[in-house]
PDB file of N, CA and C in Angstrom:
ATOM      1  N   UNK A   1      -1.590  54.985  59.265  1.00  0.00           N
ATOM      2  CA  UNK A   1      -1.263  54.943  60.681  1.00  0.00           C
ATOM      3  C   UNK A   1      -2.460  54.462  61.494  1.00  0.00           C
ATOM      4  N   UNK A   2      -3.636  55.003  61.195  1.00  0.00           N
ATOM      5  CA  UNK A   2      -4.840  54.610  61.921  1.00  0.00           C
ATOM      6  C   UNK A   2      -5.159  53.138  61.690  1.00  0.00           C
ATOM      7  N   UNK A   3      -4.968  52.693  60.459  1.00  0.00           N
ATOM      8  CA  UNK A   3      -5.221  51.287  60.128  1.00  0.00           C
ATOM      9  C   UNK A   3      -4.270  50.376  60.906  1.00  0.00           C
ATOM     10  N   UNK A   4      -3.011  50.755  61.014  1.00  0.00           N
ATOM     11  CA  UNK A   4      -2.026  49.963  61.765  1.00  0.00           C
ATOM     12  C   UNK A   4      -2.403  49.901  63.242  1.00  0.00           C
ATOM     13  N   UNK A   5      -2.866  51.000  63.789  1.00  0.00           N
ATOM     14  CA  UNK A   5      -3.297  51.032  65.181  1.00  0.00           C
ATOM     15  C   UNK A   5      -4.508  50.134  65.396  1.00  0.00           C
ATOM     16  N   UNK A   6      -5.444  50.158  64.475  1.00  0.00           N
ATOM     17  CA  UNK A   6      -6.626  49.296  64.576  1.00  0.00           C
ATOM     18  C   UNK A   6      -6.221  47.830  64.530  1.00  0.00           C
ATOM     19  N   UNK A   7      -5.314  47.475  63.637  1.00  0.00           N
ATOM     20  CA  UNK A   7      -4.842  46.092  63.531  1.00  0.00           C
ATOM     21  C   UNK A   7      -4.128  45.665  64.806  1.00  0.00           C
ATOM     22  N   UNK A   8      -3.317  46.531  65.373  1.00  0.00           N
ATOM     23  CA  UNK A   8      -2.601  46.218  66.607  1.00  0.00           C
ATOM     24  C   UNK A   8      -3.585  45.968  67.746  1.00  0.00           C
ATOM     25  N   UNK A   9      -4.644  46.743  67.782  1.00  0.00           N
ATOM     26  CA  UNK A   9      -5.673  46.566  68.808  1.00  0.00           C
ATOM     27  C   UNK A   9      -6.355  45.218  68.674  1.00  0.00           C
ATOM     28  N   UNK A  10      -6.678  44.825  67.446  1.00  0.00           N
ATOM     29  CA  UNK A  10      -7.317  43.524  67.200  1.00  0.00           C
ATOM     30  C   UNK A  10      -6.380  42.388  67.603  1.00  0.00           C
ATOM     31  N   UNK A  11      -5.114  42.495  67.223  1.00  0.00           N
ATOM     32  CA  UNK A  11      -4.136  41.457  67.564  1.00  0.00           C
ATOM     33  C   UNK A  11      -3.983  41.358  69.076  1.00  0.00           C
ATOM     34  N   UNK A  12      -3.896  42.472  69.760  1.00  0.00           N
ATOM     35  CA  UNK A  12      -3.770  42.470  71.217  1.00  0.00           C
ATOM     36  C   UNK A  12      -4.993  41.847  71.859  1.00  0.00           C
ATOM     37  N   UNK A  13      -6.165  42.203  71.439  1.00  0.00           N
ATOM     38  CA  UNK A  13      -7.397  41.637  71.996  1.00  0.00           C
ATOM     39  C   UNK A  13      -7.453  40.139  71.761  1.00  0.00           C
ATOM     40  N   UNK A  14      -7.085  39.712  70.579  1.00  0.00           N
ATOM     41  CA  UNK A  14      -7.114  38.277  70.269  1.00  0.00           C
ATOM     42  C   UNK A  14      -6.076  37.527  71.083  1.00  0.00           C
ATOM     43  N   UNK A  15      -4.908  38.126  71.279  1.00  0.00           N
ATOM     44  CA  UNK A  15      -3.851  37.439  72.019  1.00  0.00           C
ATOM     45  C   UNK A  15      -4.177  37.320  73.502  1.00  0.00           C
ATOM     46  N   UNK A  16      -4.979  38.203  74.028  1.00  0.00           N
ATOM     47  CA  UNK A  16      -5.353  38.108  75.433  1.00  0.00           C
ATOM     48  C   UNK A  16      -6.549  37.202  75.643  1.00  0.00           C
ATOM     49  N   UNK A  17      -7.181  36.779  74.561  1.00  0.00           N
ATOM     50  CA  UNK A  17      -8.322  35.888  74.681  1.00  0.00           C
ATOM     51  C   UNK A  17      -9.618  36.598  75.012  1.00  0.00           C
ATOM     52  N   UNK A  18      -9.620  37.914  75.011  1.00  0.00           N
ATOM     53  CA  UNK A  18     -10.823  38.662  75.384  1.00  0.00           C
ATOM     54  C   UNK A  18     -11.395  39.432  74.208  1.00  0.00           C
ATOM     55  N   UNK A  19     -11.137  38.914  72.989  1.00  0.00           N
ATOM     56  CA  UNK A  19     -11.674  39.566  71.796  1.00  0.00           C
ATOM     57  C   UNK A  19     -13.174  39.338  71.665  1.00  0.00           C
ATOM     58  N   UNK A  20     -13.665  38.217  72.201  1.00  0.00           N
ATOM     59  CA  UNK A  20     -15.087  37.901  72.108  1.00  0.00           C
ATOM     60  C   UNK A  20     -15.884  38.897  72.956  1.00  0.00           C
ATOM     61  N   UNK A  21     -16.950  39.380  72.400  1.00  0.00           N
ATOM     62  CA  UNK A  21     -17.796  40.329  73.126  1.00  0.00           C
ATOM     63  C   UNK A  21     -18.350  39.679  74.391  1.00  0.00           C
ATOM     64  N   UNK A  22     -18.455  40.471  75.419  1.00  0.00           N
ATOM     65  CA  UNK A  22     -19.012  40.001  76.680  1.00  0.00           C
ATOM     66  C   UNK A  22     -20.395  40.596  76.848  1.00  0.00           C
ATOM     67  N   UNK A  23     -21.303  39.815  77.378  1.00  0.00           N
ATOM     68  CA  UNK A  23     -22.686  40.229  77.525  1.00  0.00           C
ATOM     69  C   UNK A  23     -23.131  39.987  78.961  1.00  0.00           C
ATOM     70  N   UNK A  24     -23.175  41.050  79.764  1.00  0.00           N
ATOM     71  CA  UNK A  24     -23.531  40.930  81.178  1.00  0.00           C
ATOM     72  C   UNK A  24     -24.944  40.393  81.362  1.00  0.00           C
ATOM     73  N   UNK A  25     -25.870  40.769  80.496  1.00  0.00           N
ATOM     74  CA  UNK A  25     -27.250  40.272  80.612  1.00  0.00           C
ATOM     75  C   UNK A  25     -27.292  38.761  80.385  1.00  0.00           C
ATOM     76  N   UNK A  26     -26.541  38.283  79.400  1.00  0.00           N
ATOM     77  CA  UNK A  26     -26.455  36.837  79.180  1.00  0.00           C
ATOM     78  C   UNK A  26     -25.749  36.175  80.357  1.00  0.00           C
ATOM     79  N   UNK A  27     -24.755  36.856  80.923  1.00  0.00           N
ATOM     80  CA  UNK A  27     -24.032  36.335  82.079  1.00  0.00           C
ATOM     81  C   UNK A  27     -24.913  36.189  83.308  1.00  0.00           C
ATOM     82  N   UNK A  28     -25.875  37.085  83.461  1.00  0.00           N
ATOM     83  CA  UNK A  28     -26.809  36.976  84.581  1.00  0.00           C
ATOM     84  C   UNK A  28     -27.604  35.674  84.473  1.00  0.00           C
ATOM     85  N   UNK A  29     -27.951  35.305  83.262  1.00  0.00           N
ATOM     86  CA  UNK A  29     -28.678  34.042  83.044  1.00  0.00           C
ATOM     87  C   UNK A  29     -27.781  32.846  83.345  1.00  0.00           C
ATOM     88  N   UNK A  30     -26.517  32.927  82.980  1.00  0.00           N
ATOM     89  CA  UNK A  30     -25.566  31.853  83.270  1.00  0.00           C
ATOM     90  C   UNK A  30     -25.353  31.741  84.778  1.00  0.00           C
ATOM     91  N   UNK A  31     -25.366  32.875  85.467  1.00  0.00           N
ATOM     92  CA  UNK A  31     -25.112  32.891  86.917  1.00  0.00           C
ATOM     93  C   UNK A  31     -26.140  32.070  87.694  1.00  0.00           C
ATOM     94  N   UNK A  32     -27.280  31.799  87.098  1.00  0.00           N
ATOM     95  CA  UNK A  32     -28.282  30.936  87.744  1.00  0.00           C
ATOM     96  C   UNK A  32     -27.644  29.610  88.143  1.00  0.00           C
ATOM     97  N   UNK A  33     -26.695  29.122  87.343  1.00  0.00           N
ATOM     98  CA  UNK A  33     -25.996  27.878  87.637  1.00  0.00           C
ATOM     99  C   UNK A  33     -25.131  27.998  88.898  1.00  0.00           C
ATOM    100  N   UNK A  34     -24.772  29.203  89.260  1.00  0.00           N
ATOM    101  CA  UNK A  34     -23.858  29.456  90.376  1.00  0.00           C
ATOM    102  C   UNK A  34     -24.590  29.746  91.691  1.00  0.00           C
ATOM    103  N   UNK A  35     -25.885  30.065  91.593  1.00  0.00           N
ATOM    104  CA  UNK A  35     -26.647  30.544  92.750  1.00  0.00           C
ATOM    105  C   UNK A  35     -26.818  29.524  93.866  1.00  0.00           C
ATOM    106  N   UNK A  36     -26.679  28.251  93.577  1.00  0.00           N
ATOM    107  CA  UNK A  36     -26.779  27.249  94.632  1.00  0.00           C
ATOM    108  C   UNK A  36     -25.707  27.494  95.685  1.00  0.00           C
ATOM    109  N   UNK A  37     -24.544  27.923  95.233  1.00  0.00           N
ATOM    110  CA  UNK A  37     -23.403  28.072  96.134  1.00  0.00           C
ATOM    111  C   UNK A  37     -22.985  29.513  96.417  1.00  0.00           C
ATOM    112  N   UNK A  38     -23.375  30.451  95.554  1.00  0.00           N
ATOM    113  CA  UNK A  38     -22.893  31.826  95.679  1.00  0.00           C
ATOM    114  C   UNK A  38     -24.022  32.839  95.618  1.00  0.00           C
ATOM    115  N   UNK A  39     -23.859  33.910  96.388  1.00  0.00           N
ATOM    116  CA  UNK A  39     -24.735  35.074  96.284  1.00  0.00           C
ATOM    117  C   UNK A  39     -23.921  36.217  95.698  1.00  0.00           C
ATOM    118  N   UNK A  40     -24.625  37.177  95.139  1.00  0.00           N
ATOM    119  CA  UNK A  40     -23.980  38.366  94.600  1.00  0.00           C
ATOM    120  C   UNK A  40     -24.923  39.543  94.826  1.00  0.00           C
ATOM    121  N   UNK A  41     -24.342  40.701  95.079  1.00  0.00           N
ATOM    122  CA  UNK A  41     -25.143  41.902  95.287  1.00  0.00           C
ATOM    123  C   UNK A  41     -24.989  42.436  96.697  1.00  0.00           C
ATOM    124  N   UNK A  42     -25.640  43.557  96.941  1.00  0.00           N
ATOM    125  CA  UNK A  42     -25.577  44.194  98.253  1.00  0.00           C
ATOM    126  C   UNK A  42     -26.085  43.233  99.326  1.00  0.00           C
ATOM    127  N   UNK A  43     -25.336  43.092 100.400  1.00  0.00           N
ATOM    128  CA  UNK A  43     -25.740  42.239 101.503  1.00  0.00           C
ATOM    129  C   UNK A  43     -25.551  40.755 101.272  1.00  0.00           C
ATOM    130  N   UNK A  44     -24.874  40.376 100.188  1.00  0.00           N
ATOM    131  CA  UNK A  44     -24.657  38.952  99.894  1.00  0.00           C
ATOM    132  C   UNK A  44     -23.866  38.301 101.021  1.00  0.00           C
ATOM    133  N   UNK A  45     -24.227  37.072 101.320  1.00  0.00           N
ATOM    134  CA  UNK A  45     -23.586  36.315 102.396  1.00  0.00           C
ATOM    135  C   UNK A  45     -22.944  35.063 101.830  1.00  0.00           C
ATOM    136  N   UNK A  46     -22.039  34.484 102.619  1.00  0.00           N
ATOM    137  CA  UNK A  46     -21.419  33.216 102.242  1.00  0.00           C
ATOM    138  C   UNK A  46     -22.465  32.112 102.320  1.00  0.00           C
ATOM    139  N   UNK A  47     -22.418  31.239 101.365  1.00  0.00           N
ATOM    140  CA  UNK A  47     -23.250  30.031 101.351  1.00  0.00           C
ATOM    141  C   UNK A  47     -22.256  28.867 101.334  1.00  0.00           C
ATOM    142  N   UNK A  48     -22.391  27.968 100.412  1.00  0.00           N
ATOM    143  CA  UNK A  48     -21.389  26.917 100.245  1.00  0.00           C
ATOM    144  C   UNK A  48     -20.078  27.553  99.777  1.00  0.00           C
ATOM    145  N   UNK A  49     -20.203  28.609  98.971  1.00  0.00           N
ATOM    146  CA  UNK A  49     -19.057  29.378  98.503  1.00  0.00           C
ATOM    147  C   UNK A  49     -19.174  30.811  98.984  1.00  0.00           C
ATOM    148  N   UNK A  50     -18.108  31.572  98.855  1.00  0.00           N
ATOM    149  CA  UNK A  50     -18.144  32.975  99.290  1.00  0.00           C
ATOM    150  C   UNK A  50     -19.016  33.820  98.364  1.00  0.00           C
ATOM    151  N   UNK A  51     -19.503  34.967  98.839  1.00  0.00           N
ATOM    152  CA  UNK A  51     -20.233  35.859  97.943  1.00  0.00           C
ATOM    153  C   UNK A  51     -19.291  36.389  96.864  1.00  0.00           C
ATOM    154  N   UNK A  52     -19.851  36.671  95.702  1.00  0.00           N
ATOM    155  CA  UNK A  52     -19.024  37.089  94.574  1.00  0.00           C
ATOM    156  C   UNK A  52     -19.149  38.571  94.250  1.00  0.00           C
ATOM    157  N   UNK A  53     -19.795  39.315  95.106  1.00  0.00           N
ATOM    158  CA  UNK A  53     -19.873  40.765  94.928  1.00  0.00           C
ATOM    159  C   UNK A  53     -18.452  41.324  94.958  1.00  0.00           C
ATOM    160  N   UNK A  54     -18.089  42.074  93.940  1.00  0.00           N
ATOM    161  CA  UNK A  54     -16.763  42.691  93.882  1.00  0.00           C
ATOM    162  C   UNK A  54     -15.635  41.725  93.587  1.00  0.00           C
ATOM    163  N   UNK A  55     -15.933  40.533  93.077  1.00  0.00           N
ATOM    164  CA  UNK A  55     -14.884  39.535  92.837  1.00  0.00           C
ATOM    165  C   UNK A  55     -13.861  40.016  91.819  1.00  0.00           C
ATOM    166  N   UNK A  56     -14.308  40.715  90.777  1.00  0.00           N
ATOM    167  CA  UNK A  56     -13.359  41.237  89.791  1.00  0.00           C
ATOM    168  C   UNK A  56     -12.625  42.402  90.451  1.00  0.00           C
ATOM    169  N   UNK A  57     -11.320  42.215  90.647  1.00  0.00           N
ATOM    170  CA  UNK A  57     -10.509  43.225  91.320  1.00  0.00           C
ATOM    171  C   UNK A  57     -10.286  42.949  92.795  1.00  0.00           C
ATOM    172  N   UNK A  58     -10.851  41.855  93.306  1.00  0.00           N
ATOM    173  CA  UNK A  58     -10.682  41.505  94.732  1.00  0.00           C
ATOM    174  C   UNK A  58      -9.539  40.507  94.881  1.00  0.00           C
ATOM    175  N   UNK A  59      -8.849  40.587  95.986  1.00  0.00           N
ATOM    176  CA  UNK A  59      -7.805  39.631  96.324  1.00  0.00           C
ATOM    177  C   UNK A  59      -8.416  38.240  96.452  1.00  0.00           C
ATOM    178  N   UNK A  60      -7.776  37.246  95.876  1.00  0.00           N
ATOM    179  CA  UNK A  60      -8.262  35.867  95.970  1.00  0.00           C
ATOM    180  C   UNK A  60      -8.259  35.398  97.420  1.00  0.00           C
ATOM    181  N   UNK A  61      -9.242  34.588  97.770  1.00  0.00           N
ATOM    182  CA  UNK A  61      -9.371  33.986  99.110  1.00  0.00           C
ATOM    183  C   UNK A  61      -9.400  35.033 100.216  1.00  0.00           C
ATOM    184  N   UNK A  62     -10.106  36.130  99.971  1.00  0.00           N
ATOM    185  CA  UNK A  62     -10.068  37.228 100.937  1.00  0.00           C
ATOM    186  C   UNK A  62     -11.389  37.516 101.630  1.00  0.00           C
ATOM    187  N   UNK A  63     -12.437  36.721 101.384  1.00  0.00           N
ATOM    188  CA  UNK A  63     -13.696  37.013 102.058  1.00  0.00           C
ATOM    189  C   UNK A  63     -13.583  36.575 103.508  1.00  0.00           C
ATOM    190  N   UNK A  64     -13.674  37.527 104.385  1.00  0.00           N
ATOM    191  CA  UNK A  64     -13.505  37.308 105.824  1.00  0.00           C
ATOM    192  C   UNK A  64     -14.478  36.266 106.355  1.00  0.00           C
ATOM    193  N   UNK A  65     -13.920  35.257 107.028  1.00  0.00           N
ATOM    194  CA  UNK A  65     -14.743  34.252 107.673  1.00  0.00           C
ATOM    195  C   UNK A  65     -15.072  33.044 106.816  1.00  0.00           C
ATOM    196  N   UNK A  66     -14.708  33.062 105.516  1.00  0.00           N
ATOM    197  CA  UNK A  66     -14.995  31.901 104.686  1.00  0.00           C
ATOM    198  C   UNK A  66     -13.838  30.911 104.804  1.00  0.00           C
ATOM    199  N   UNK A  67     -14.155  29.627 104.935  1.00  0.00           N
ATOM    200  CA  UNK A  67     -13.149  28.573 105.106  1.00  0.00           C
ATOM    201  C   UNK A  67     -12.687  28.043 103.746  1.00  0.00           C
ATOM    202  N   UNK A  68     -11.698  28.696 103.164  1.00  0.00           N
ATOM    203  CA  UNK A  68     -11.129  28.261 101.894  1.00  0.00           C
ATOM    204  C   UNK A  68     -10.286  27.004 102.107  1.00  0.00           C
ATOM    205  N   UNK A  69     -10.187  26.150 101.079  1.00  0.00           N
ATOM    206  CA  UNK A  69      -9.356  24.952 101.177  1.00  0.00           C
ATOM    207  C   UNK A  69      -7.885  25.374 101.277  1.00  0.00           C
ATOM    208  N   UNK A  70      -7.073  24.495 101.844  1.00  0.00           N
ATOM    209  CA  UNK A  70      -5.646  24.793 101.997  1.00  0.00           C
ATOM    210  C   UNK A  70      -4.966  25.000 100.645  1.00  0.00           C
ATOM    211  N   UNK A  71      -5.312  24.161  99.660  1.00  0.00           N
ATOM    212  CA  UNK A  71      -4.666  24.325  98.355  1.00  0.00           C
ATOM    213  C   UNK A  71      -5.075  25.643  97.705  1.00  0.00           C
ATOM    214  N   UNK A  72      -6.311  26.079  97.936  1.00  0.00           N
ATOM    215  CA  UNK A  72      -6.718  27.353  97.354  1.00  0.00           C
ATOM    216  C   UNK A  72      -6.058  28.525  98.077  1.00  0.00           C
ATOM    217  N   UNK A  73      -5.892  28.421  99.376  1.00  0.00           N
ATOM    218  CA  UNK A  73      -5.207  29.500 100.106  1.00  0.00           C
ATOM    219  C   UNK A  73      -3.779  29.653  99.599  1.00  0.00           C
ATOM    220  N   UNK A  74      -3.124  28.535  99.305  1.00  0.00           N
ATOM    221  CA  UNK A  74      -1.755  28.601  98.764  1.00  0.00           C
ATOM    222  C   UNK A  74      -1.765  29.244  97.374  1.00  0.00           C
ATOM    223  N   UNK A  75      -2.717  28.857  96.551  1.00  0.00           N
ATOM    224  CA  UNK A  75      -2.813  29.388  95.187  1.00  0.00           C
ATOM    225  C   UNK A  75      -3.176  30.877  95.205  1.00  0.00           C
ATOM    226  N   UNK A  76      -3.913  31.306  96.208  1.00  0.00           N
ATOM    227  CA  UNK A  76      -4.371  32.695  96.280  1.00  0.00           C
ATOM    228  C   UNK A  76      -3.207  33.685  96.274  1.00  0.00           C
ATOM    229  N   UNK A  77      -2.101  33.322  96.905  1.00  0.00           N
ATOM    230  CA  UNK A  77      -0.939  34.210  96.912  1.00  0.00           C
ATOM    231  C   UNK A  77      -0.405  34.404  95.492  1.00  0.00           C
ATOM    232  N   UNK A  78      -0.459  33.344  94.685  1.00  0.00           N
ATOM    233  CA  UNK A  78      -0.025  33.426  93.296  1.00  0.00           C
ATOM    234  C   UNK A  78      -1.041  34.191  92.435  1.00  0.00           C
ATOM    235  N   UNK A  79      -2.323  33.959  92.699  1.00  0.00           N
ATOM    236  CA  UNK A  79      -3.379  34.619  91.931  1.00  0.00           C
ATOM    237  C   UNK A  79      -3.322  36.119  92.138  1.00  0.00           C
ATOM    238  N   UNK A  80      -3.168  36.516  93.385  1.00  0.00           N
ATOM    239  CA  UNK A  80      -3.212  37.943  93.699  1.00  0.00           C
ATOM    240  C   UNK A  80      -4.638  38.442  93.567  1.00  0.00           C
ATOM    241  N   UNK A  81      -4.828  39.420  92.714  1.00  0.00           N
ATOM    242  CA  UNK A  81      -6.143  40.006  92.492  1.00  0.00           C
ATOM    243  C   UNK A  81      -6.820  39.324  91.314  1.00  0.00           C
ATOM    244  N   UNK A  82      -8.099  38.998  91.493  1.00  0.00           N
ATOM    245  CA  UNK A  82      -8.860  38.375  90.403  1.00  0.00           C
ATOM    246  C   UNK A  82      -9.060  39.361  89.259  1.00  0.00           C
ATOM    247  N   UNK A  83      -8.766  38.924  88.065  1.00  0.00           N
ATOM    248  CA  UNK A  83      -9.122  39.674  86.857  1.00  0.00           C
ATOM    249  C   UNK A  83      -9.883  38.720  85.938  1.00  0.00           C
ATOM    250  N   UNK A  84     -10.294  39.215  84.797  1.00  0.00           N
ATOM    251  CA  UNK A  84     -11.118  38.414  83.900  1.00  0.00           C
ATOM    252  C   UNK A  84     -10.417  37.140  83.439  1.00  0.00           C
ATOM    253  N   UNK A  85      -9.147  37.245  83.083  1.00  0.00           N
ATOM    254  CA  UNK A  85      -8.415  36.078  82.583  1.00  0.00           C
ATOM    255  C   UNK A  85      -8.263  35.016  83.670  1.00  0.00           C
ATOM    256  N   UNK A  86      -7.922  35.423  84.881  1.00  0.00           N
ATOM    257  CA  UNK A  86      -7.758  34.468  85.977  1.00  0.00           C
ATOM    258  C   UNK A  86      -9.090  33.822  86.341  1.00  0.00           C
ATOM    259  N   UNK A  87     -10.143  34.616  86.378  1.00  0.00           N
ATOM    260  CA  UNK A  87     -11.465  34.056  86.671  1.00  0.00           C
ATOM    261  C   UNK A  87     -11.897  33.062  85.594  1.00  0.00           C
ATOM    262  N   UNK A  88     -11.577  33.351  84.358  1.00  0.00           N
ATOM    263  CA  UNK A  88     -11.945  32.447  83.273  1.00  0.00           C
ATOM    264  C   UNK A  88     -11.231  31.105  83.425  1.00  0.00           C
ATOM    265  N   UNK A  89      -9.939  31.148  83.736  1.00  0.00           N
ATOM    266  CA  UNK A  89      -9.195  29.901  83.960  1.00  0.00           C
ATOM    267  C   UNK A  89      -9.779  29.130  85.138  1.00  0.00           C
ATOM    268  N   UNK A  90     -10.086  29.824  86.212  1.00  0.00           N
ATOM    269  CA  UNK A  90     -10.672  29.209  87.406  1.00  0.00           C
ATOM    270  C   UNK A  90     -11.997  28.536  87.073  1.00  0.00           C
ATOM    271  N   UNK A  91     -12.872  29.248  86.394  1.00  0.00           N
ATOM    272  CA  UNK A  91     -14.195  28.711  86.088  1.00  0.00           C
ATOM    273  C   UNK A  91     -14.137  27.523  85.128  1.00  0.00           C
ATOM    274  N   UNK A  92     -13.141  27.486  84.267  1.00  0.00           N
ATOM    275  CA  UNK A  92     -13.010  26.379  83.323  1.00  0.00           C
ATOM    276  C   UNK A  92     -12.735  25.066  84.050  1.00  0.00           C
ATOM    277  N   UNK A  93     -11.905  25.113  85.096  1.00  0.00           N
ATOM    278  CA  UNK A  93     -11.570  23.902  85.853  1.00  0.00           C
ATOM    279  C   UNK A  93     -10.908  24.307  87.169  1.00  0.00           C
ATOM    280  N   UNK A  94     -11.709  24.550  88.217  1.00  0.00           N
ATOM    281  CA  UNK A  94     -11.168  25.049  89.480  1.00  0.00           C
ATOM    282  C   UNK A  94     -10.063  24.186  90.094  1.00  0.00           C
ATOM    283  N   UNK A  95     -10.238  22.884  90.141  1.00  0.00           N
ATOM    284  CA  UNK A  95      -9.228  22.015  90.759  1.00  0.00           C
ATOM    285  C   UNK A  95      -7.911  22.063  89.991  1.00  0.00           C
ATOM    286  N   UNK A  96      -7.997  22.045  88.675  1.00  0.00           N
ATOM    287  CA  UNK A  96      -6.783  22.119  87.857  1.00  0.00           C
ATOM    288  C   UNK A  96      -6.094  23.465  88.065  1.00  0.00           C
ATOM    289  N   UNK A  97      -6.874  24.538  88.078  1.00  0.00           N
ATOM    290  CA  UNK A  97      -6.305  25.881  88.246  1.00  0.00           C
ATOM    291  C   UNK A  97      -5.628  26.031  89.603  1.00  0.00           C
ATOM    292  N   UNK A  98      -6.269  25.516  90.648  1.00  0.00           N
ATOM    293  CA  UNK A  98      -5.725  25.648  91.993  1.00  0.00           C
ATOM    294  C   UNK A  98      -4.606  24.653  92.258  1.00  0.00           C
ATOM    295  N   UNK A  99      -4.545  23.581  91.469  1.00  0.00           N
ATOM    296  CA  UNK A  99      -3.492  22.603  91.662  1.00  0.00           C
ATOM    297  C   UNK A  99      -3.703  21.713  92.870  1.00  0.00           C
ATOM    298  N   UNK A 100      -4.941  21.488  93.228  1.00  0.00           N
ATOM    299  CA  UNK A 100      -5.227  20.633  94.378  1.00  0.00           C
ATOM    300  C   UNK A 100      -6.707  20.607  94.670  1.00  0.00           C
ATOM    301  N   UNK A 101      -7.036  20.227  95.869  1.00  0.00           N
ATOM    302  CA  UNK A 101      -8.428  20.114  96.283  1.00  0.00           C
ATOM    303  C   UNK A 101      -9.028  21.499  96.506  1.00  0.00           C
ATOM    304  N   UNK A 102     -10.199  21.699  95.943  1.00  0.00           N
ATOM    305  CA  UNK A 102     -10.945  22.932  96.162  1.00  0.00           C
ATOM    306  C   UNK A 102     -12.395  22.555  96.429  1.00  0.00           C
ATOM    307  N   UNK A 103     -13.118  23.459  97.036  1.00  0.00           N
ATOM    308  CA  UNK A 103     -14.519  23.204  97.344  1.00  0.00           C
ATOM    309  C   UNK A 103     -15.396  23.302  96.105  1.00  0.00           C
ATOM    310  N   UNK A 104     -14.958  24.086  95.131  1.00  0.00           N
ATOM    311  CA  UNK A 104     -15.779  24.282  93.934  1.00  0.00           C
ATOM    312  C   UNK A 104     -15.514  23.161  92.939  1.00  0.00           C
ATOM    313  N   UNK A 105     -16.508  22.331  92.722  1.00  0.00           N
ATOM    314  CA  UNK A 105     -16.366  21.224  91.780  1.00  0.00           C
ATOM    315  C   UNK A 105     -17.054  21.533  90.449  1.00  0.00           C
ATOM    316  N   UNK A 106     -17.881  22.556  90.416  1.00  0.00           N
ATOM    317  CA  UNK A 106     -18.580  22.974  89.198  1.00  0.00           C
ATOM    318  C   UNK A 106     -17.571  23.527  88.197  1.00  0.00           C
ATOM    319  N   UNK A 107     -17.712  23.152  86.939  1.00  0.00           N
ATOM    320  CA  UNK A 107     -16.880  23.683  85.864  1.00  0.00           C
ATOM    321  C   UNK A 107     -17.773  24.384  84.861  1.00  0.00           C
ATOM    322  N   UNK A 108     -17.259  25.417  84.269  1.00  0.00           N
ATOM    323  CA  UNK A 108     -17.978  26.133  83.212  1.00  0.00           C
ATOM    324  C   UNK A 108     -17.082  26.096  81.969  1.00  0.00           C
ATOM    325  N   UNK A 109     -17.151  24.997  81.202  1.00  0.00           N
ATOM    326  CA  UNK A 109     -16.220  24.821  80.086  1.00  0.00           C
ATOM    327  C   UNK A 109     -16.470  25.729  78.887  1.00  0.00           C
ATOM    328  N   UNK A 110     -17.677  26.250  78.732  1.00  0.00           N
ATOM    329  CA  UNK A 110     -18.004  27.083  77.587  1.00  0.00           C
ATOM    330  C   UNK A 110     -17.402  28.478  77.762  1.00  0.00           C
ATOM    331  N   UNK A 111     -16.469  28.827  76.881  1.00  0.00           N
ATOM    332  CA  UNK A 111     -15.754  30.103  77.003  1.00  0.00           C
ATOM    333  C   UNK A 111     -16.685  31.313  76.943  1.00  0.00           C
ATOM    334  N   UNK A 112     -17.659  31.288  76.049  1.00  0.00           N
ATOM    335  CA  UNK A 112     -18.587  32.416  75.933  1.00  0.00           C
ATOM    336  C   UNK A 112     -19.383  32.580  77.224  1.00  0.00           C
ATOM    337  N   UNK A 113     -19.832  31.485  77.816  1.00  0.00           N
ATOM    338  CA  UNK A 113     -20.563  31.564  79.091  1.00  0.00           C
ATOM    339  C   UNK A 113     -19.666  32.119  80.193  1.00  0.00           C
ATOM    340  N   UNK A 114     -18.403  31.681  80.217  1.00  0.00           N
ATOM    341  CA  UNK A 114     -17.479  32.206  81.237  1.00  0.00           C
ATOM    342  C   UNK A 114     -17.312  33.714  81.086  1.00  0.00           C
ATOM    343  N   UNK A 115     -17.087  34.150  79.864  1.00  0.00           N
ATOM    344  CA  UNK A 115     -16.885  35.580  79.631  1.00  0.00           C
ATOM    345  C   UNK A 115     -18.128  36.381  79.998  1.00  0.00           C
ATOM    346  N   UNK A 116     -19.276  35.848  79.691  1.00  0.00           N
ATOM    347  CA  UNK A 116     -20.520  36.556  80.009  1.00  0.00           C
ATOM    348  C   UNK A 116     -20.767  36.605  81.508  1.00  0.00           C
ATOM    349  N   UNK A 117     -20.546  35.505  82.207  1.00  0.00           N
ATOM    350  CA  UNK A 117     -20.778  35.520  83.651  1.00  0.00           C
ATOM    351  C   UNK A 117     -19.768  36.439  84.341  1.00  0.00           C
ATOM    352  N   UNK A 118     -18.549  36.488  83.850  1.00  0.00           N
ATOM    353  CA  UNK A 118     -17.553  37.408  84.415  1.00  0.00           C
ATOM    354  C   UNK A 118     -17.963  38.853  84.135  1.00  0.00           C
ATOM    355  N   UNK A 119     -18.507  39.123  82.955  1.00  0.00           N
ATOM    356  CA  UNK A 119     -18.991  40.477  82.653  1.00  0.00           C
ATOM    357  C   UNK A 119     -20.116  40.849  83.614  1.00  0.00           C
ATOM    358  N   UNK A 120     -20.999  39.896  83.897  1.00  0.00           N
ATOM    359  CA  UNK A 120     -22.084  40.125  84.865  1.00  0.00           C
ATOM    360  C   UNK A 120     -21.516  40.417  86.257  1.00  0.00           C
ATOM    361  N   UNK A 121     -20.573  39.575  86.692  1.00  0.00           N
ATOM    362  CA  UNK A 121     -19.989  39.768  88.022  1.00  0.00           C
ATOM    363  C   UNK A 121     -19.276  41.115  88.122  1.00  0.00           C
ATOM    364  N   UNK A 122     -18.672  41.568  87.023  1.00  0.00           N
ATOM    365  CA  UNK A 122     -17.978  42.856  87.024  1.00  0.00           C
ATOM    366  C   UNK A 122     -18.926  44.023  87.286  1.00  0.00           C
ATOM    367  N   UNK A 123     -20.227  43.815  87.039  1.00  0.00           N
ATOM    368  CA  UNK A 123     -21.204  44.883  87.300  1.00  0.00           C
ATOM    369  C   UNK A 123     -21.612  44.914  88.769  1.00  0.00           C
ATOM    370  N   UNK A 124     -21.239  43.911  89.527  1.00  0.00           N
ATOM    371  CA  UNK A 124     -21.643  43.775  90.932  1.00  0.00           C
ATOM    372  C   UNK A 124     -20.505  44.211  91.835  1.00  0.00           C
ATOM    373  N   UNK A 125     -20.492  45.462  92.163  1.00  0.00           N
ATOM    374  CA  UNK A 125     -19.410  46.031  92.976  1.00  0.00           C
ATOM    375  C   UNK A 125     -19.773  45.981  94.413  1.00  0.00           C
TER     376      UNK A 125
END
């Protein structure tokens, strides 16, 4: 019974795409690529992009006063609340994910880097 439960857990983790270990410390290093446009942490302010403090679990396009693109505002209703899977899709190709013009042109195609940076962002409440 225990073995079957362990196997089910592995299959579920693999099917969700989050079986790979996440490393917040490695993600902090990856986040250096994001700092030109984003701040994170207490007192973070909007720059070219909105601050990412609390992004995991936050409603998409919800930072007060930030001018999101029209296509992203439309997509935000579909996104709802950001979770790891949605953030990973977004970071892989923002324009494709949003289905139109977005301000973020940077892509993070490496899955391990995406998972690590999301793990880092999850520590920033």
